[in-house]
Amino acid sequence: MIGRLLGWVAALLVALVLGIATLTFMPVNVTLPPCMRDWTSPSSFRPRQSPLVSQKFRIGFGEARLCYGQPSAKGRAVFGSLVHFGERWRLGANEPTRLYTTIPISIAGIEVPAGKYSLYATPREDAWEIAVNGSTFHWGKDFSPEVLKKEIARTTVGTKATSDFVEALTMTTMPVQDTVLLVVEWERTRVEIPLVPR
């Protein structure tokens, strides 16, 4: 009886591990992987103050998933202080912000095939530089040569002021004709990153 029960538990564990591995490592044009923690960093084993947010959305005839750590202002000045102007930022907290897409798209004019990408920003007062990188499984502040050599391209998008104070970094998607706007808002800053199916 106990042997049979242990056999069932082992079979369930194997099925679970294989299921997660399939979702994680299967090509993105077949299935979107879940938002995963980067367990290579010791920081992943500590409680997180910034939750991991997952947002799935339609783009063209495909699907995409956005994964980002959501920090809050908590009474702190954000842009120009917590997030320094002119310095590369992981566009969130913990792991870099990641975008998975099942179809080829352009990210603010940067054309990429279906796949997994990390997004970085270099904020300035009037514009942000957005960098698209092919490395997704690393800690967000890892700017090692190995990660940087996978950078695909950079582009610039303008900033706008929000009408209200935004306490927690918030990313939403807004369909506009054939485009999906990735809207990033925090503190009193709003940035729109156009995602266009190719």
Protein backbone atom coordinates (compact mmCIF):
# COMPACT_ATOMS: atom_id res chain seq x y z
CA MET A 1 0.00 0.00 0.00
CA ILE A 2 2.70 2.49 1.03
CA GLY A 3 4.86 1.41 -1.91
CA ARG A 4 2.00 2.05 -4.35
CA LEU A 5 1.34 5.48 -2.76
CA LEU A 6 5.02 6.41 -3.02
CA GLY A 7 4.95 5.31 -6.66
CA TRP A 8 2.00 7.61 -7.37
CA VAL A 9 3.70 10.53 -5.58
CA ALA A 10 6.91 9.95 -7.58
CA ALA A 11 4.93 9.79 -10.84
CA LEU A 12 3.14 13.05 -9.99
CA LEU A 13 6.44 14.78 -9.17
CA VAL A 14 7.98 13.62 -12.46
CA ALA A 15 4.90 14.83 -14.38
CA LEU A 16 5.07 18.19 -12.61
CA VAL A 17 8.78 18.66 -13.32
CA LEU A 18 8.36 17.62 -16.97
CA GLY A 19 5.37 19.93 -17.34
CA ILE A 20 7.28 22.93 -15.99
CA ALA A 21 10.33 22.06 -18.09
CA THR A 22 8.17 21.76 -21.19
CA LEU A 23 6.56 25.16 -20.60
CA THR A 24 9.90 26.78 -19.76
CA PHE A 25 12.10 25.38 -22.51
CA MET A 26 9.66 24.76 -25.37
CA PRO A 27 10.07 27.28 -28.23
CA VAL A 28 8.07 30.44 -27.62
CA ASN A 29 6.28 30.14 -30.96
CA VAL A 30 4.75 26.90 -29.61
CA THR A 31 3.79 28.02 -26.08
CA LEU A 32 4.40 31.01 -23.83
CA PRO A 33 6.49 30.12 -20.78
CA PRO A 34 5.41 31.20 -17.30
CA CYS A 35 7.14 34.06 -15.49
CA MET A 36 9.94 32.35 -13.59
CA ARG A 37 12.22 33.50 -10.79
CA ASP A 38 15.95 33.47 -11.49
CA TRP A 39 17.08 31.01 -8.81
CA THR A 40 20.78 31.56 -9.70
CA SER A 41 20.75 34.69 -7.51
CA PRO A 42 20.84 34.42 -3.71
CA SER A 43 18.33 37.30 -3.68
CA SER A 44 15.66 34.96 -5.08
CA PHE A 45 15.65 32.97 -1.84
CA ARG A 46 14.72 35.99 0.31
CA PRO A 47 11.18 37.34 0.67
CA ARG A 48 10.39 39.85 -2.06
CA GLN A 49 9.06 43.33 -1.42
CA SER A 50 8.38 43.76 -5.16
CA PRO A 51 5.93 41.13 -6.46
CA LEU A 52 6.48 39.38 -9.79
CA VAL A 53 3.71 40.49 -12.16
CA SER A 54 2.64 38.44 -15.21
CA GLN A 55 0.51 39.88 -17.97
CA LYS A 56 -0.56 37.90 -21.06
CA PHE A 57 -1.97 39.74 -24.09
CA ARG A 58 -2.84 39.34 -27.77
CA ILE A 59 -0.70 40.95 -30.45
CA GLY A 60 -1.61 40.52 -34.11
CA PHE A 61 -2.31 36.82 -34.66
CA GLY A 62 -0.12 35.84 -31.73
CA GLU A 63 0.27 36.16 -27.99
CA ALA A 64 2.81 37.75 -25.69
CA ARG A 65 3.60 37.68 -21.99
CA LEU A 66 5.19 40.44 -19.95
CA CYS A 67 6.97 39.62 -16.66
CA TYR A 68 8.26 42.32 -14.31
CA GLY A 69 9.05 42.98 -10.67
CA GLN A 70 6.74 45.71 -9.32
CA PRO A 71 8.48 48.08 -6.88
CA SER A 72 6.64 50.83 -4.99
CA ALA A 73 7.72 54.38 -4.22
CA LYS A 74 7.00 54.09 -0.46
CA GLY A 75 7.53 57.81 0.10
CA ARG A 76 10.78 57.90 -1.91
CA ALA A 77 11.51 60.12 -4.90
CA VAL A 78 11.79 57.73 -7.86
CA PHE A 79 13.19 59.20 -11.08
CA GLY A 80 16.41 61.12 -10.60
CA SER A 81 16.90 59.55 -7.15
CA LEU A 82 15.93 55.88 -6.62
CA VAL A 83 16.25 55.35 -10.39
CA HIS A 84 19.12 57.57 -11.54
CA PHE A 85 18.89 59.54 -14.76
CA GLY A 86 21.38 58.38 -17.39
CA GLU A 87 21.93 54.92 -15.81
CA ARG A 88 20.72 51.57 -17.12
CA TRP A 89 17.74 50.21 -15.17
CA ARG A 90 16.11 46.77 -15.31
CA LEU A 91 12.71 48.43 -15.84
CA GLY A 92 11.41 46.98 -12.60
CA ALA A 93 12.82 45.02 -9.67
CA ASN A 94 14.63 41.70 -9.19
CA GLU A 95 14.97 39.95 -12.59
CA PRO A 96 15.00 42.11 -15.72
CA THR A 97 11.63 42.86 -17.29
CA ARG A 98 10.98 40.06 -19.79
CA LEU A 99 8.79 39.93 -22.88
CA TYR A 100 7.89 36.64 -24.58
CA THR A 101 6.24 36.73 -28.01
CA THR A 102 4.91 33.92 -30.23
CA ILE A 103 5.23 36.04 -33.40
CA PRO A 104 7.81 38.44 -34.87
CA ILE A 105 7.23 41.99 -33.61
CA SER A 106 8.93 45.35 -33.44
CA ILE A 107 9.57 46.88 -30.02
CA ALA A 108 9.61 50.67 -30.51
CA GLY A 109 11.01 50.07 -33.99
CA ILE A 110 13.46 47.27 -33.04
CA GLU A 111 12.50 44.18 -35.06
CA VAL A 112 12.77 40.83 -33.32
CA PRO A 113 11.62 37.29 -34.24
CA ALA A 114 9.35 35.24 -32.00
CA GLY A 115 11.28 34.60 -28.79
CA LYS A 116 12.23 35.71 -25.29
CA TYR A 117 13.69 39.15 -24.57
CA SER A 118 14.65 41.32 -21.64
CA LEU A 119 13.93 45.05 -21.65
CA TYR A 120 16.04 47.75 -20.02
CA ALA A 121 15.59 51.51 -19.80
CA THR A 122 17.97 54.42 -19.35
CA PRO A 123 15.64 57.16 -18.07
CA ARG A 124 16.17 60.86 -18.71
CA GLU A 125 13.77 63.67 -17.85
CA ASP A 126 12.35 64.05 -21.36
CA ALA A 127 13.03 60.63 -22.95
CA TRP A 128 14.00 57.05 -22.13
CA GLU A 129 16.43 54.87 -24.03
CA ILE A 130 14.98 51.36 -24.34
CA ALA A 131 17.35 48.42 -24.83
CA VAL A 132 16.22 44.99 -26.06
CA ASN A 133 18.41 42.05 -25.02
CA GLY A 134 18.32 38.36 -25.93
CA SER A 135 19.41 37.21 -22.44
CA THR A 136 16.49 36.52 -20.10
CA PHE A 137 17.75 34.16 -17.40
CA HIS A 138 19.94 36.39 -15.24
CA TRP A 139 19.54 38.78 -12.32
CA GLY A 140 18.34 42.26 -13.32
CA LYS A 141 21.50 44.12 -12.33
CA ASP A 142 23.76 41.69 -14.19
CA PHE A 143 25.44 43.91 -16.79
CA SER A 144 28.29 41.47 -17.39
CA PRO A 145 29.95 41.24 -20.81
CA GLU A 146 28.11 37.92 -21.34
CA VAL A 147 24.73 39.65 -20.93
CA LEU A 148 25.67 42.87 -22.76
CA LYS A 149 26.90 41.00 -25.85
CA LYS A 150 23.33 39.70 -26.32
CA GLU A 151 21.94 43.21 -26.67
CA ILE A 152 19.98 43.50 -29.91
CA ALA A 153 19.46 47.25 -30.22
CA ARG A 154 18.46 50.45 -28.46
CA THR A 155 15.91 53.10 -29.28
CA THR A 156 14.44 56.21 -27.67
CA VAL A 157 10.86 56.95 -26.60
CA GLY A 158 9.47 60.16 -25.12
CA THR A 159 8.04 60.66 -21.65
CA LYS A 160 4.75 62.20 -20.55
CA ALA A 161 3.46 63.33 -17.19
CA THR A 162 0.72 61.31 -15.50
CA SER A 163 -2.35 63.11 -14.19
CA ASP A 164 -2.10 61.34 -10.82
CA PHE A 165 0.71 59.97 -8.67
CA VAL A 166 1.38 56.26 -9.41
CA GLU A 167 2.65 54.52 -6.26
CA ALA A 168 3.72 51.18 -7.77
CA LEU A 169 5.45 50.67 -11.10
CA THR A 170 2.62 49.67 -13.42
CA MET A 171 2.79 48.24 -16.93
CA THR A 172 -0.36 47.82 -18.97
CA THR A 173 -1.08 47.05 -22.60
CA MET A 174 -3.42 49.11 -24.73
CA PRO A 175 -4.44 47.99 -28.25
CA VAL A 176 -4.46 50.83 -30.79
CA GLN A 177 -5.40 49.57 -34.29
CA ASP A 178 -2.61 47.10 -35.28
CA THR A 179 -0.31 48.24 -32.47
CA VAL A 180 -0.21 47.36 -28.79
CA LEU A 181 1.12 50.14 -26.59
CA LEU A 182 3.11 48.93 -23.60
CA VAL A 183 2.36 51.72 -21.11
CA VAL A 184 4.85 52.14 -18.26
CA GLU A 185 3.82 54.42 -15.38
CA TRP A 186 5.50 55.22 -12.09
CA GLU A 187 5.54 58.23 -9.83
CA ARG A 188 4.46 60.99 -12.26
CA THR A 189 6.07 59.60 -15.43
CA ARG A 190 4.42 57.75 -18.32
CA VAL A 191 6.22 56.08 -21.22
CA GLU A 192 4.56 54.35 -24.18
CA ILE A 193 6.49 51.61 -26.01
CA PRO A 194 4.80 50.55 -29.26
CA LEU A 195 4.71 46.80 -29.99
CA VAL A 196 3.85 46.09 -33.62
CA PRO A 197 3.30 42.65 -35.23
CA ARG A 198 5.53 42.07 -38.30
